[in-house]
C-alpha atoms as a PDB file:
ATOM      1  CA  UNK A   1      -0.323  18.475  14.921  1.00  0.00           C
ATOM      2  CA  UNK A   2       3.228  17.112  14.085  1.00  0.00           C
ATOM      3  CA  UNK A   3       2.766  14.842  11.194  1.00  0.00           C
ATOM      4  CA  UNK A   4       6.049  13.909   9.137  1.00  0.00           C
ATOM      5  CA  UNK A   5       7.424  11.602   6.251  1.00  0.00           C
ATOM      6  CA  UNK A   6      10.542  10.249   6.333  1.00  0.00           C
ATOM      7  CA  UNK A   7      12.643   7.344   4.830  1.00  0.00           C
ATOM      8  CA  UNK A   8      12.044   4.182   6.681  1.00  0.00           C
ATOM      9  CA  UNK A   9      14.765   2.390   8.491  1.00  0.00           C
ATOM     10  CA  UNK A  10      15.241  -1.210  10.065  1.00  0.00           C
ATOM     11  CA  UNK A  11      14.554   0.220  13.413  1.00  0.00           C
ATOM     12  CA  UNK A  12      11.371   1.096  12.124  1.00  0.00           C
ATOM     13  CA  UNK A  13      10.474  -2.940  11.423  1.00  0.00           C
ATOM     14  CA  UNK A  14       8.125  -3.483  14.449  1.00  0.00           C
ATOM     15  CA  UNK A  15       5.957  -0.407  14.189  1.00  0.00           C
ATOM     16  CA  UNK A  16       5.738  -0.964  10.428  1.00  0.00           C
ATOM     17  CA  UNK A  17       4.605  -4.686  11.101  1.00  0.00           C
ATOM     18  CA  UNK A  18       2.416  -3.487  13.992  1.00  0.00           C
ATOM     19  CA  UNK A  19       0.440  -1.147  11.134  1.00  0.00           C
ATOM     20  CA  UNK A  20       0.934  -4.099   8.433  1.00  0.00           C
ATOM     21  CA  UNK A  21      -1.088  -6.577  10.161  1.00  0.00           C
ATOM     22  CA  UNK A  22      -3.806  -4.128  11.466  1.00  0.00           C
ATOM     23  CA  UNK A  23      -4.270  -2.593   8.170  1.00  0.00           C
ATOM     24  CA  UNK A  24      -4.507  -5.667   5.813  1.00  0.00           C
ATOM     25  CA  UNK A  25      -6.007  -9.201   6.134  1.00  0.00           C
ATOM     26  CA  UNK A  26      -3.264 -10.839   4.357  1.00  0.00           C
ATOM     27  CA  UNK A  27       0.137  -8.678   5.570  1.00  0.00           C
ATOM     28  CA  UNK A  28       3.380  -9.111   4.458  1.00  0.00           C
ATOM     29  CA  UNK A  29       6.003 -11.241   6.188  1.00  0.00           C
ATOM     30  CA  UNK A  30       8.432  -9.894   8.335  1.00  0.00           C
ATOM     31  CA  UNK A  31      11.208 -11.153   5.967  1.00  0.00           C
ATOM     32  CA  UNK A  32       9.546  -9.569   2.960  1.00  0.00           C
ATOM     33  CA  UNK A  33       9.109  -6.182   5.128  1.00  0.00           C
ATOM     34  CA  UNK A  34      12.592  -6.299   6.510  1.00  0.00           C
ATOM     35  CA  UNK A  35      14.284  -6.766   2.889  1.00  0.00           C
ATOM     36  CA  UNK A  36      12.388  -3.692   1.652  1.00  0.00           C
ATOM     37  CA  UNK A  37      13.691  -1.672   4.535  1.00  0.00           C
ATOM     38  CA  UNK A  38      17.054  -2.588   4.020  1.00  0.00           C
ATOM     39  CA  UNK A  39      16.997  -1.013   0.296  1.00  0.00           C
ATOM     40  CA  UNK A  40      17.488   3.096   0.011  1.00  0.00           C
ATOM     41  CA  UNK A  41      14.518   5.289  -0.985  1.00  0.00           C
ATOM     42  CA  UNK A  42      11.842   2.381  -1.257  1.00  0.00           C
ATOM     43  CA  UNK A  43      10.178   2.592   2.105  1.00  0.00           C
ATOM     44  CA  UNK A  44       8.536   5.744   3.541  1.00  0.00           C
ATOM     45  CA  UNK A  45       6.644   6.081   6.895  1.00  0.00           C
ATOM     46  CA  UNK A  46       4.251   8.633   8.265  1.00  0.00           C
ATOM     47  CA  UNK A  47       4.437   9.580  11.759  1.00  0.00           C
ATOM     48  CA  UNK A  48       2.333  11.498  13.684  1.00  0.00           C
ATOM     49  CA  UNK A  49       3.533  12.611  17.332  1.00  0.00           C
ATOM     50  CA  UNK A  50       6.311  10.384  16.694  1.00  0.00           C
ATOM     51  CA  UNK A  51       4.137   7.351  16.536  1.00  0.00           C
ATOM     52  CA  UNK A  52       4.651   5.219  13.211  1.00  0.00           C
ATOM     53  CA  UNK A  53       0.761   5.586  11.356  1.00  0.00           C
ATOM     54  CA  UNK A  54       1.319   4.588   7.807  1.00  0.00           C
ATOM     55  CA  UNK A  55       3.916   3.293   5.485  1.00  0.00           C
ATOM     56  CA  UNK A  56       4.428   2.668   1.831  1.00  0.00           C
ATOM     57  CA  UNK A  57       6.675   0.767  -0.604  1.00  0.00           C
ATOM     58  CA  UNK A  58       7.309   2.042  -3.804  1.00  0.00           C
ATOM     59  CA  UNK A  59      10.033   0.736  -6.127  1.00  0.00           C
ATOM     60  CA  UNK A  60      11.213   2.658  -9.321  1.00  0.00           C
ATOM     61  CA  UNK A  61      12.966   0.716 -12.085  1.00  0.00           C
ATOM     62  CA  UNK A  62      13.772   1.338 -15.431  1.00  0.00           C
ATOM     63  CA  UNK A  63      11.055   4.608 -15.645  1.00  0.00           C
ATOM     64  CA  UNK A  64       8.600   2.606 -13.999  1.00  0.00           C
ATOM     65  CA  UNK A  65       7.277   2.787 -10.455  1.00  0.00           C
ATOM     66  CA  UNK A  66       5.285   0.400  -8.552  1.00  0.00           C
ATOM     67  CA  UNK A  67       3.250   0.994  -5.275  1.00  0.00           C
ATOM     68  CA  UNK A  68       3.986  -2.376  -3.589  1.00  0.00           C
ATOM     69  CA  UNK A  69       1.882  -1.632  -0.430  1.00  0.00           C
ATOM     70  CA  UNK A  70       0.432   1.082   1.363  1.00  0.00           C
ATOM     71  CA  UNK A  71      -1.021   0.751   4.855  1.00  0.00           C
ATOM     72  CA  UNK A  72      -2.587   3.308   7.315  1.00  0.00           C
ATOM     73  CA  UNK A  73      -3.102   1.920  11.121  1.00  0.00           C
ATOM     74  CA  UNK A  74      -6.810   1.432  11.576  1.00  0.00           C
ATOM     75  CA  UNK A  75      -6.554   3.657  14.504  1.00  0.00           C
ATOM     76  CA  UNK A  76      -5.229   6.620  12.773  1.00  0.00           C
ATOM     77  CA  UNK A  77      -7.518   6.452   9.406  1.00  0.00           C
ATOM     78  CA  UNK A  78      -9.664   9.277   8.684  1.00  0.00           C
ATOM     79  CA  UNK A  79      -7.354  12.266   9.274  1.00  0.00           C
ATOM     80  CA  UNK A  80      -6.020  12.453   5.376  1.00  0.00           C
ATOM     81  CA  UNK A  81      -2.636  10.372   6.488  1.00  0.00           C
ATOM     82  CA  UNK A  82      -3.371   7.991   3.394  1.00  0.00           C
ATOM     83  CA  UNK A  83      -3.488  11.228   0.950  1.00  0.00           C
ATOM     84  CA  UNK A  84      -0.553  12.538   2.720  1.00  0.00           C
ATOM     85  CA  UNK A  85       1.753   9.655   2.070  1.00  0.00           C
ATOM     86  CA  UNK A  86       0.638   8.852  -1.453  1.00  0.00           C
ATOM     87  CA  UNK A  87       1.063  12.223  -2.445  1.00  0.00           C
ATOM     88  CA  UNK A  88       4.656  12.088  -1.183  1.00  0.00           C
ATOM     89  CA  UNK A  89       5.692   8.872  -2.918  1.00  0.00           C
ATOM     90  CA  UNK A  90       4.132  10.198  -5.984  1.00  0.00           C
ATOM     91  CA  UNK A  91       6.116  13.178  -6.114  1.00  0.00           C
ATOM     92  CA  UNK A  92       9.362  10.961  -5.123  1.00  0.00           C
ATOM     93  CA  UNK A  93       8.919   8.735  -8.122  1.00  0.00           C
ATOM     94  CA  UNK A  94       8.392  11.838 -10.383  1.00  0.00           C
ATOM     95  CA  UNK A  95      11.611  13.095  -8.928  1.00  0.00           C
ATOM     96  CA  UNK A  96      13.038   9.579  -9.562  1.00  0.00           C
ATOM     97  CA  UNK A  97      12.143  10.272 -13.132  1.00  0.00           C
ATOM     98  CA  UNK A  98       9.752   7.616 -13.169  1.00  0.00           C
ATOM     99  CA  UNK A  99       7.018   7.774 -16.307  1.00  0.00           C
ATOM    100  CA  UNK A 100       4.270   6.103 -14.723  1.00  0.00           C
ATOM    101  CA  UNK A 101       3.655   4.432 -11.751  1.00  0.00           C
ATOM    102  CA  UNK A 102       1.600   0.939 -11.162  1.00  0.00           C
ATOM    103  CA  UNK A 103      -0.274  -0.586  -8.279  1.00  0.00           C
ATOM    104  CA  UNK A 104      -2.792  -3.230  -7.871  1.00  0.00           C
ATOM    105  CA  UNK A 105      -5.571  -3.391  -5.046  1.00  0.00           C
ATOM    106  CA  UNK A 106      -8.133  -5.754  -4.043  1.00  0.00           C
ATOM    107  CA  UNK A 107     -11.450  -5.202  -5.781  1.00  0.00           C
ATOM    108  CA  UNK A 108     -13.552  -5.068  -2.361  1.00  0.00           C
ATOM    109  CA  UNK A 109     -10.959  -2.495  -1.067  1.00  0.00           C
ATOM    110  CA  UNK A 110     -13.420   0.565  -2.004  1.00  0.00           C
ATOM    111  CA  UNK A 111     -11.461   3.186   0.326  1.00  0.00           C
ATOM    112  CA  UNK A 112      -8.233   2.265  -1.526  1.00  0.00           C
ATOM    113  CA  UNK A 113      -9.714   2.404  -4.905  1.00  0.00           C
ATOM    114  CA  UNK A 114     -11.348   5.997  -4.238  1.00  0.00           C
ATOM    115  CA  UNK A 115      -8.058   7.228  -2.999  1.00  0.00           C
ATOM    116  CA  UNK A 116      -6.661   6.288  -6.232  1.00  0.00           C
ATOM    117  CA  UNK A 117      -8.887   7.429  -8.584  1.00  0.00           C
ATOM    118  CA  UNK A 118      -9.331  10.844  -6.746  1.00  0.00           C
ATOM    119  CA  UNK A 119      -5.603  11.054  -7.378  1.00  0.00           C
ATOM    120  CA  UNK A 120      -5.541  10.339 -11.213  1.00  0.00           C
ATOM    121  CA  UNK A 121      -5.073   6.889 -11.307  1.00  0.00           C
ATOM    122  CA  UNK A 122      -7.161   4.620 -14.017  1.00  0.00           C
ATOM    123  CA  UNK A 123      -7.846   1.090 -13.941  1.00  0.00           C
ATOM    124  CA  UNK A 124      -5.968  -1.001 -16.740  1.00  0.00           C
ATOM    125  CA  UNK A 125      -6.426  -4.431 -15.790  1.00  0.00           C
ATOM    126  CA  UNK A 126      -7.668  -7.360 -13.675  1.00  0.00           C
ATOM    127  CA  UNK A 127      -6.052 -10.040 -12.408  1.00  0.00           C
ATOM    128  CA  UNK A 128      -8.909 -12.577 -11.449  1.00  0.00           C
ATOM    129  CA  UNK A 129      -8.547 -14.779  -8.433  1.00  0.00           C
ATOM    130  CA  UNK A 130      -5.479 -13.173  -7.638  1.00  0.00           C
ATOM    131  CA  UNK A 131      -5.913 -12.680  -3.680  1.00  0.00           C
ATOM    132  CA  UNK A 132      -6.902 -15.076  -0.972  1.00  0.00           C
ATOM    133  CA  UNK A 133      -9.738 -14.532   1.202  1.00  0.00           C
ATOM    134  CA  UNK A 134      -9.920 -15.743   4.700  1.00  0.00           C
ATOM    135  CA  UNK A 135     -12.952 -17.974   4.973  1.00  0.00           C
ATOM    136  CA  UNK A 136     -14.271 -15.651   7.816  1.00  0.00           C
ATOM    137  CA  UNK A 137     -14.877 -12.827   5.430  1.00  0.00           C
ATOM    138  CA  UNK A 138     -16.516 -15.040   2.857  1.00  0.00           C
ATOM    139  CA  UNK A 139     -20.208 -15.406   2.374  1.00  0.00           C
ATOM    140  CA  UNK A 140     -20.342 -19.250   2.440  1.00  0.00           C
ATOM    141  CA  UNK A 141     -18.681 -19.406   5.939  1.00  0.00           C
ATOM    142  CA  UNK A 142     -19.636 -23.227   6.547  1.00  0.00           C
ATOM    143  CA  UNK A 143     -17.612 -25.593   8.181  1.00  0.00           C
ATOM    144  CA  UNK A 144     -15.086 -27.274   5.592  1.00  0.00           C
ATOM    145  CA  UNK A 145     -15.905 -24.322   3.372  1.00  0.00           C
ATOM    146  CA  UNK A 146     -12.969 -23.272   0.967  1.00  0.00           C
ATOM    147  CA  UNK A 147     -11.309 -20.072   1.162  1.00  0.00           C
ATOM    148  CA  UNK A 148     -12.451 -17.894  -1.862  1.00  0.00           C
ATOM    149  CA  UNK A 149     -10.509 -15.532  -4.074  1.00  0.00           C
ATOM    150  CA  UNK A 150     -10.715 -12.258  -4.970  1.00  0.00           C
ATOM    151  CA  UNK A 151      -9.742 -10.356  -7.921  1.00  0.00           C
ATOM    152  CA  UNK A 152      -6.778  -7.609  -8.380  1.00  0.00           C
ATOM    153  CA  UNK A 153      -7.505  -4.375 -10.044  1.00  0.00           C
ATOM    154  CA  UNK A 154      -4.414  -2.851 -11.369  1.00  0.00           C
ATOM    155  CA  UNK A 155      -4.480   0.889 -11.642  1.00  0.00           C
ATOM    156  CA  UNK A 156      -1.845   3.005 -13.635  1.00  0.00           C
ATOM    157  CA  UNK A 157      -1.053   6.786 -13.414  1.00  0.00           C
ATOM    158  CA  UNK A 158       1.057   8.230 -16.289  1.00  0.00           C
ATOM    159  CA  UNK A 159       3.491  11.264 -14.986  1.00  0.00           C
ATOM    160  CA  UNK A 160       4.147  12.252 -18.699  1.00  0.00           C
ATOM    161  CA  UNK A 161       1.961  12.542 -21.912  1.00  0.00           C
END
């Protein structure tokens, strides 16, 4: 299997957005993703057989890294690509002298939470009612029902003691 991870380029925008839209209920906009793709050492793609299967956006500022997004195309899940890409960006953050890395995740995203905890992340906080939830995903899916919101869990992983 020819899996590789490389810096994303602006020419990857369509492929990255296809993964973003397939993997997230509330994907980033094209303009936001484009802004990050225009920066150096921020966006990474994982390719399998030359197909972009996953991407991550990680920013390191003043000794702190933040994993802003990570996504694996649902058609490519179950092959360890999320783990490979996460490990790659963690290694990059350490190389950039980050002392720790932060991320936030929907509390309902148990697969991501399991991945983060397996890699040493610990929950350090919560943002109540942070993420929107589509009404089609809510339990109260009645005509005229309001969309609900769900909490964001904040996770951190220190790189130094």
